[in-house]
Amino acid sequence: MEIFASCMECMQTKGMPLLKPFPAPYFDDRISIVDCDFGHKMAIVLRAQKFELLLESGANALIAGFTLEASASFSAALERFFEFSNKVVLTHLEIGEALYDDVFKFMSRQSERQTGAFLILHALVFNFAYIPNTKLTEFRNAVIHKGTIPTPDKAMEFCELVYAEVFNISSLLNKHCPDAINLILERDFESRASTVPEGIRIHSAQKSSIFSISHENNKEDFAKALENYEKFNATLRHVSKEVPKILEALQANPEASALIDSIRPK
């Protein structure tokens, strides 16, 4: 996957009108180390959680018609979301990072245990039982373990159910544990940023995804969220193609070029 980025060093030395967006690929670590057209190296560290990227990957697959890949990504997203939720709730209960690591190192690769832990923590903090949707488990097992390739309608239905779980639980977390969420997000960012090699300038980046735990304007309806995500990406791709033409036109105009020079840092 990739994000469109602009070089902050270019902005500081050449002025905002000369910002040129370029694609920056990212993967599991959510860090993209790239060079701009002028040779400035930077590390773009995404402020995004693993489950958010998996939802995004699944949405891209669904849009492209890859139903198996979409279902697998959404299934993985739900597992990672339960892991994230457990960490948020335990942080809310003032359980330290070291103790959390000691507890969860035995279930880090076992999603069933993580889900079980979430059932207990959900009841403890929210004071009512979380009832897992058995349709999700049945569909996931068919896709992941039996290799079932779902129809577009079945894949859409599954993704809708996963999205609803994430949306509803996130609403509870944001209502009851907002400080813990912010702390987890900041710790995660700092931990990943610390892995960037010394001497490379670090930039943080937000991106529009189909869902973000830190945004207040997430769509409750999955179909609307998917439509909004698809339209935003289409607009972004169009803008990224047109910006270089606009910059060339500005630089070719003497008055515009003089204005650009006047606002550049001296």
Protein backbone atom coordinates (compact mmCIF):
# COMPACT_ATOMS: atom_id res chain seq x y z
CA MET A 1 0.00 0.00 0.00
CA GLU A 2 1.08 3.59 -0.33
CA ILE A 3 0.42 7.10 0.86
CA PHE A 4 0.88 10.33 -1.08
CA ALA A 5 3.37 12.52 0.73
CA SER A 6 5.14 15.86 0.34
CA CYS A 7 8.68 16.70 1.35
CA MET A 8 8.80 18.98 4.37
CA GLU A 9 12.37 20.00 3.59
CA CYS A 10 11.26 21.17 0.15
CA MET A 11 8.47 23.14 1.79
CA GLN A 12 10.94 24.86 4.10
CA THR A 13 13.51 25.64 1.42
CA LYS A 14 11.41 26.12 -1.70
CA GLY A 15 8.07 27.39 -0.43
CA MET A 16 4.64 25.78 -0.24
CA PRO A 17 3.65 26.32 -3.89
CA LEU A 18 6.43 23.95 -4.89
CA LEU A 19 5.17 21.04 -2.82
CA LYS A 20 4.99 17.99 -5.04
CA PRO A 21 3.13 14.91 -3.80
CA PHE A 22 4.71 11.54 -4.49
CA PRO A 23 3.76 7.95 -3.59
CA ALA A 24 5.41 6.40 -0.53
CA PRO A 25 4.95 2.64 -0.07
CA TYR A 26 4.45 1.17 3.41
CA PHE A 27 3.99 -2.29 4.85
CA ASP A 28 3.76 -3.99 8.24
CA ASP A 29 5.86 -1.47 10.16
CA ARG A 30 3.82 1.41 8.72
CA ILE A 31 7.03 3.30 7.91
CA SER A 32 8.08 4.47 4.46
CA ILE A 33 11.68 5.60 3.90
CA VAL A 34 11.81 7.52 0.63
CA ASP A 35 13.70 10.20 -1.32
CA CYS A 36 11.90 13.15 -2.90
CA ASP A 37 12.76 14.39 -6.41
CA PHE A 38 15.42 16.67 -4.91
CA GLY A 39 17.17 13.86 -3.02
CA HIS A 40 15.88 14.63 0.46
CA LYS A 41 15.61 11.36 2.42
CA MET A 42 12.83 11.05 4.98
CA ALA A 43 11.01 8.45 7.03
CA ILE A 44 7.24 8.81 6.92
CA VAL A 45 5.77 7.17 10.01
CA LEU A 46 2.04 6.58 9.72
CA ARG A 47 -0.18 7.34 12.67
CA ALA A 48 -2.29 4.27 12.00
CA GLN A 49 -2.94 1.05 13.85
CA LYS A 50 -2.37 -2.39 12.37
CA PHE A 51 -6.08 -3.22 12.30
CA GLU A 52 -6.80 0.02 10.42
CA LEU A 53 -4.33 -0.91 7.67
CA LEU A 54 -5.83 -4.39 7.42
CA LEU A 55 -9.30 -2.86 7.01
CA GLU A 56 -7.87 -0.59 4.33
CA SER A 57 -6.22 -3.50 2.56
CA GLY A 58 -9.47 -5.42 2.69
CA ALA A 59 -11.42 -2.47 1.34
CA ASN A 60 -9.00 -2.15 -1.58
CA ALA A 61 -9.39 -5.86 -2.32
CA LEU A 62 -13.17 -5.64 -2.11
CA ILE A 63 -13.24 -2.69 -4.51
CA ALA A 64 -11.02 -4.61 -6.93
CA GLY A 65 -13.24 -7.69 -6.75
CA PHE A 66 -10.85 -9.94 -4.82
CA THR A 67 -13.37 -11.44 -2.42
CA LEU A 68 -11.07 -14.01 -0.80
CA GLU A 69 -8.36 -11.44 -0.06
CA ALA A 70 -10.93 -8.94 1.23
CA SER A 71 -12.43 -11.48 3.61
CA ALA A 72 -9.01 -12.63 4.87
CA SER A 73 -7.90 -9.05 5.51
CA PHE A 74 -11.07 -8.15 7.39
CA SER A 75 -10.78 -11.33 9.45
CA ALA A 76 -7.20 -10.46 10.40
CA ALA A 77 -8.28 -6.88 11.11
CA LEU A 78 -10.85 -8.06 13.65
CA GLU A 79 -8.27 -10.19 15.45
CA ARG A 80 -5.81 -7.32 15.63
CA PHE A 81 -8.62 -5.03 16.76
CA PHE A 82 -9.37 -7.29 19.73
CA GLU A 83 -5.66 -7.19 20.57
CA PHE A 84 -5.70 -3.39 20.40
CA SER A 85 -8.88 -3.23 22.51
CA ASN A 86 -7.35 -5.44 25.19
CA LYS A 87 -4.35 -3.15 25.40
CA VAL A 88 -6.57 -0.06 25.65
CA VAL A 89 -8.75 -1.52 28.41
CA LEU A 90 -5.78 -2.74 30.45
CA THR A 91 -4.11 0.65 30.08
CA HIS A 92 -7.37 2.22 31.25
CA LEU A 93 -7.18 -0.08 34.31
CA GLU A 94 -3.64 1.21 34.89
CA ILE A 95 -1.91 -2.06 34.09
CA GLY A 96 1.70 -1.24 33.21
CA GLU A 97 3.32 -2.09 29.88
CA ALA A 98 5.68 -4.64 31.43
CA LEU A 99 2.85 -6.54 33.11
CA TYR A 100 0.78 -6.40 29.94
CA ASP A 101 3.67 -7.88 27.96
CA ASP A 102 4.08 -10.66 30.55
CA VAL A 103 0.39 -11.54 30.35
CA PHE A 104 -0.09 -11.40 26.60
CA LYS A 105 3.15 -12.97 25.41
CA PHE A 106 1.48 -16.35 25.96
CA MET A 107 -1.47 -15.48 23.74
CA SER A 108 0.13 -13.24 21.12
CA ARG A 109 -0.30 -15.89 18.42
CA GLN A 110 -3.59 -17.32 19.63
CA SER A 111 -6.55 -15.23 18.58
CA GLU A 112 -9.01 -17.39 20.52
CA ARG A 113 -7.28 -16.58 23.80
CA GLN A 114 -7.20 -12.89 22.96
CA THR A 115 -10.91 -12.95 22.22
CA GLY A 116 -11.53 -14.73 25.51
CA ALA A 117 -9.54 -12.08 27.36
CA PHE A 118 -11.60 -9.40 25.63
CA LEU A 119 -14.85 -11.03 26.83
CA ILE A 120 -13.70 -10.68 30.45
CA LEU A 121 -12.31 -7.17 30.08
CA HIS A 122 -15.43 -5.99 28.22
CA ALA A 123 -17.66 -7.14 31.10
CA LEU A 124 -15.29 -5.65 33.67
CA VAL A 125 -15.15 -2.16 32.15
CA PHE A 126 -18.47 -1.79 30.30
CA ASN A 127 -20.58 -3.83 32.74
CA PHE A 128 -22.37 -5.94 30.15
CA ALA A 129 -21.48 -9.05 28.20
CA TYR A 130 -20.01 -8.96 24.74
CA ILE A 131 -21.69 -11.60 22.59
CA PRO A 132 -19.47 -12.73 19.68
CA ASN A 133 -21.21 -13.04 16.32
CA THR A 134 -21.01 -16.73 15.40
CA LYS A 135 -21.53 -15.87 11.71
CA LEU A 136 -18.11 -14.22 11.70
CA THR A 137 -16.35 -17.29 13.07
CA GLU A 138 -18.14 -19.68 10.71
CA PHE A 139 -17.38 -17.55 7.65
CA ARG A 140 -13.77 -16.99 8.68
CA ASN A 141 -13.16 -20.71 9.16
CA ALA A 142 -14.65 -21.47 5.76
CA VAL A 143 -12.45 -18.88 4.04
CA ILE A 144 -9.19 -19.32 5.98
CA HIS A 145 -9.21 -23.05 6.71
CA LYS A 146 -11.30 -24.50 3.89
CA GLY A 147 -10.26 -22.12 1.14
CA THR A 148 -13.81 -21.08 0.31
CA ILE A 149 -13.86 -18.28 -2.26
CA PRO A 150 -16.90 -16.17 -1.38
CA THR A 151 -19.18 -14.41 -3.82
CA PRO A 152 -19.07 -10.58 -3.86
CA ASP A 153 -22.34 -10.46 -1.90
CA LYS A 154 -21.08 -12.86 0.77
CA ALA A 155 -17.77 -11.01 1.07
CA MET A 156 -19.60 -7.71 1.36
CA GLU A 157 -21.86 -9.12 4.06
CA PHE A 158 -18.89 -10.42 6.05
CA CYS A 159 -17.00 -7.13 5.77
CA GLU A 160 -20.11 -5.26 6.89
CA LEU A 161 -20.37 -7.43 10.01
CA VAL A 162 -16.68 -6.98 10.85
CA TYR A 163 -16.90 -3.23 10.32
CA ALA A 164 -19.95 -3.05 12.60
CA GLU A 165 -18.06 -4.86 15.39
CA VAL A 166 -15.11 -2.50 15.06
CA PHE A 167 -17.32 0.59 14.92
CA ASN A 168 -19.46 -0.37 17.92
CA ILE A 169 -16.61 -1.44 20.17
CA SER A 170 -14.55 1.62 19.18
CA SER A 171 -17.46 3.82 20.20
CA LEU A 172 -17.39 2.23 23.65
CA LEU A 173 -13.62 2.60 23.92
CA ASN A 174 -13.73 6.25 22.90
CA LYS A 175 -16.50 6.92 25.41
CA HIS A 176 -14.96 5.13 28.40
CA CYS A 177 -11.22 5.03 27.69
CA PRO A 178 -10.22 8.07 25.58
CA ASP A 179 -7.04 8.82 27.53
CA ALA A 180 -5.90 5.21 27.26
CA ILE A 181 -6.47 5.26 23.50
CA ASN A 182 -4.37 8.40 23.10
CA LEU A 183 -1.61 6.92 25.25
CA ILE A 184 -1.54 3.66 23.26
CA LEU A 185 -1.46 5.54 19.95
CA GLU A 186 1.41 7.75 21.09
CA ARG A 187 3.41 4.83 22.50
CA ASP A 188 2.94 2.90 19.29
CA PHE A 189 4.11 5.83 17.18
CA GLU A 190 7.16 6.52 19.34
CA SER A 191 8.11 2.83 19.38
CA ARG A 192 8.05 2.57 15.59
CA ALA A 193 9.72 5.95 15.06
CA SER A 194 12.59 4.82 17.31
CA THR A 195 13.48 2.15 14.71
CA VAL A 196 14.25 4.73 12.01
CA PRO A 197 18.01 4.87 11.33
CA GLU A 198 19.80 7.83 12.88
CA GLY A 199 20.17 10.83 10.62
CA ILE A 200 16.96 10.30 8.67
CA ARG A 201 14.38 13.01 9.17
CA ILE A 202 11.10 11.68 10.61
CA HIS A 203 7.70 12.92 9.49
CA SER A 204 4.44 11.74 10.98
CA ALA A 205 1.51 11.29 8.63
CA GLN A 206 -2.22 10.78 8.90
CA LYS A 207 -4.07 9.22 6.02
CA SER A 208 -7.68 8.84 5.11
CA SER A 209 -8.62 5.21 5.57
CA ILE A 210 -11.94 3.44 5.68
CA PHE A 211 -11.81 3.62 9.49
CA SER A 212 -9.61 5.35 12.06
CA ILE A 213 -9.86 4.96 15.84
CA SER A 214 -8.69 8.56 16.28
CA HIS A 215 -11.28 10.13 13.94
CA GLU A 216 -14.70 11.32 15.02
CA ASN A 217 -16.29 11.21 11.56
CA ASN A 218 -16.17 7.48 10.85
CA LYS A 219 -19.21 6.35 8.90
CA GLU A 220 -21.48 4.04 10.88
CA ASP A 221 -22.71 2.31 7.72
CA PHE A 222 -20.05 0.20 5.98
CA ALA A 223 -21.40 0.74 2.47
CA LYS A 224 -21.20 4.51 2.97
CA ALA A 225 -17.72 4.20 4.47
CA LEU A 226 -16.56 2.17 1.47
CA GLU A 227 -18.09 4.64 -0.98
CA ASN A 228 -16.51 7.59 0.81
CA TYR A 229 -13.12 5.85 0.88
CA GLU A 230 -13.28 5.03 -2.83
CA LYS A 231 -14.25 8.61 -3.78
CA PHE A 232 -11.49 10.10 -1.63
CA ASN A 233 -8.84 7.88 -3.21
CA ALA A 234 -10.07 8.69 -6.72
CA THR A 235 -9.84 12.41 -5.91
CA LEU A 236 -6.37 11.98 -4.40
CA ARG A 237 -5.09 10.14 -7.46
CA HIS A 238 -6.48 12.84 -9.73
CA VAL A 239 -4.96 15.65 -7.67
CA SER A 240 -1.56 13.93 -7.54
CA LYS A 241 -1.50 13.88 -11.35
CA GLU A 242 -2.60 17.48 -11.75
CA VAL A 243 -0.37 19.15 -9.13
CA PRO A 244 2.85 18.89 -11.23
CA LYS A 245 1.05 20.55 -14.16
CA ILE A 246 -0.13 23.35 -11.89
CA LEU A 247 3.39 23.87 -10.54
CA GLU A 248 4.85 24.01 -14.05
CA ALA A 249 2.26 26.60 -15.03
CA LEU A 250 3.03 28.70 -11.95
CA GLN A 251 6.75 28.61 -12.58
CA ALA A 252 6.26 29.56 -16.24
CA ASN A 253 4.33 32.67 -15.20
CA PRO A 254 6.75 35.50 -14.27
CA GLU A 255 4.41 37.08 -11.70
CA ALA A 256 3.59 33.74 -10.06
CA SER A 257 7.26 32.77 -10.07
CA ALA A 258 8.19 36.06 -8.39
CA LEU A 259 5.49 35.48 -5.77
CA ILE A 260 6.86 31.98 -5.06
CA ASP A 261 10.36 33.40 -4.66
CA SER A 262 9.09 36.08 -2.27
CA ILE A 263 7.58 33.57 0.17
CA ARG A 264 10.50 31.15 0.22
CA PRO A 265 12.42 31.10 3.50
CA LYS A 266 15.59 33.16 3.14
